[in-house]
Amino acid sequence: MPLAGIVALAALAVMPRDRLPRVRRRFEVPDAPITTAGATLLLSALVQGKEIGWSTR
């Protein structure tokens, strides 16, 4: 059994259950495209940065 599975089972046994009432969260429409665009720009800069001349050498 992988170590992550053992740790997950141990966490379920040790951590207390959440007893707060569940609040329905709404999906914030403006935040989704902004977050997606930001993540896309960051990842494309990291992946293609060297090709477009963003290197330290």
C-alpha atoms as a PDB file:
ATOM      1  CA  MET A   1       0.000   0.000   0.000  1.00  0.00           C
ATOM      2  CA  PRO A   2       1.435   3.388  -0.899  1.00  0.00           C
ATOM      3  CA  LEU A   3       2.481   5.772   1.829  1.00  0.00           C
ATOM      4  CA  ALA A   4      -0.059   8.402   0.722  1.00  0.00           C
ATOM      5  CA  GLY A   5      -2.918   5.975   1.323  1.00  0.00           C
ATOM      6  CA  ILE A   6      -1.687   5.166   4.805  1.00  0.00           C
ATOM      7  CA  VAL A   7      -1.342   8.862   5.626  1.00  0.00           C
ATOM      8  CA  ALA A   8      -4.832   9.606   4.271  1.00  0.00           C
ATOM      9  CA  LEU A   9      -6.397   6.869   6.396  1.00  0.00           C
ATOM     10  CA  ALA A  10      -4.501   8.051   9.467  1.00  0.00           C
ATOM     11  CA  ALA A  11      -5.661  11.627   8.854  1.00  0.00           C
ATOM     12  CA  LEU A  12      -9.285  10.481   8.642  1.00  0.00           C
ATOM     13  CA  ALA A  13      -8.916   8.673  11.950  1.00  0.00           C
ATOM     14  CA  VAL A  14      -7.150  11.513  13.773  1.00  0.00           C
ATOM     15  CA  MET A  15      -8.774  14.680  12.421  1.00  0.00           C
ATOM     16  CA  PRO A  16     -12.081  15.790  13.950  1.00  0.00           C
ATOM     17  CA  ARG A  17     -15.170  15.930  11.789  1.00  0.00           C
ATOM     18  CA  ASP A  18     -16.497  19.296  10.658  1.00  0.00           C
ATOM     19  CA  ARG A  19     -19.621  19.987  12.688  1.00  0.00           C
ATOM     20  CA  LEU A  20     -20.475  23.371  11.198  1.00  0.00           C
ATOM     21  CA  PRO A  21     -23.598  23.569   9.051  1.00  0.00           C
ATOM     22  CA  ARG A  22     -22.870  23.412   5.370  1.00  0.00           C
ATOM     23  CA  VAL A  23     -23.291  26.720   3.598  1.00  0.00           C
ATOM     24  CA  ARG A  24     -24.001  26.638  -0.087  1.00  0.00           C
ATOM     25  CA  ARG A  25     -21.328  28.596  -1.876  1.00  0.00           C
ATOM     26  CA  ARG A  26     -22.150  30.289  -5.114  1.00  0.00           C
ATOM     27  CA  PHE A  27     -19.975  30.170  -8.196  1.00  0.00           C
ATOM     28  CA  GLU A  28     -18.503  33.578  -8.853  1.00  0.00           C
ATOM     29  CA  VAL A  29     -18.657  34.069 -12.600  1.00  0.00           C
ATOM     30  CA  PRO A  30     -16.128  36.936 -12.944  1.00  0.00           C
ATOM     31  CA  ASP A  31     -13.492  35.092 -10.938  1.00  0.00           C
ATOM     32  CA  ALA A  32     -13.441  31.955 -13.095  1.00  0.00           C
ATOM     33  CA  PRO A  33     -12.166  33.522 -16.361  1.00  0.00           C
ATOM     34  CA  ILE A  34      -9.745  35.795 -14.520  1.00  0.00           C
ATOM     35  CA  THR A  35      -8.220  32.858 -12.648  1.00  0.00           C
ATOM     36  CA  THR A  36      -8.083  30.755 -15.820  1.00  0.00           C
ATOM     37  CA  ALA A  37      -6.419  33.548 -17.793  1.00  0.00           C
ATOM     38  CA  GLY A  38      -3.888  34.198 -15.049  1.00  0.00           C
ATOM     39  CA  ALA A  39      -2.953  30.548 -14.722  1.00  0.00           C
ATOM     40  CA  THR A  40      -2.682  30.200 -18.507  1.00  0.00           C
ATOM     41  CA  LEU A  41      -0.420  33.239 -18.811  1.00  0.00           C
ATOM     42  CA  LEU A  42       1.790  32.089 -15.950  1.00  0.00           C
ATOM     43  CA  LEU A  43       2.165  28.568 -17.328  1.00  0.00           C
ATOM     44  CA  SER A  44       2.798  29.739 -20.887  1.00  0.00           C
ATOM     45  CA  ALA A  45       5.486  32.146 -19.632  1.00  0.00           C
ATOM     46  CA  LEU A  46       7.148  29.334 -17.687  1.00  0.00           C
ATOM     47  CA  VAL A  47       6.983  26.869 -20.563  1.00  0.00           C
ATOM     48  CA  GLN A  48       7.870  29.185 -23.466  1.00  0.00           C
ATOM     49  CA  GLY A  49      10.004  31.752 -21.652  1.00  0.00           C
ATOM     50  CA  LYS A  50      13.332  30.373 -22.801  1.00  0.00           C
ATOM     51  CA  GLU A  51      12.165  30.201 -26.419  1.00  0.00           C
ATOM     52  CA  ILE A  52      11.157  33.861 -26.494  1.00  0.00           C
ATOM     53  CA  GLY A  53      14.351  35.060 -24.909  1.00  0.00           C
ATOM     54  CA  TRP A  54      13.550  35.174 -21.194  1.00  0.00           C
ATOM     55  CA  SER A  55      16.650  33.396 -19.992  1.00  0.00           C
ATOM     56  CA  THR A  56      19.412  34.484 -17.664  1.00  0.00           C
ATOM     57  CA  ARG A  57      22.124  33.789 -20.233  1.00  0.00           C
END
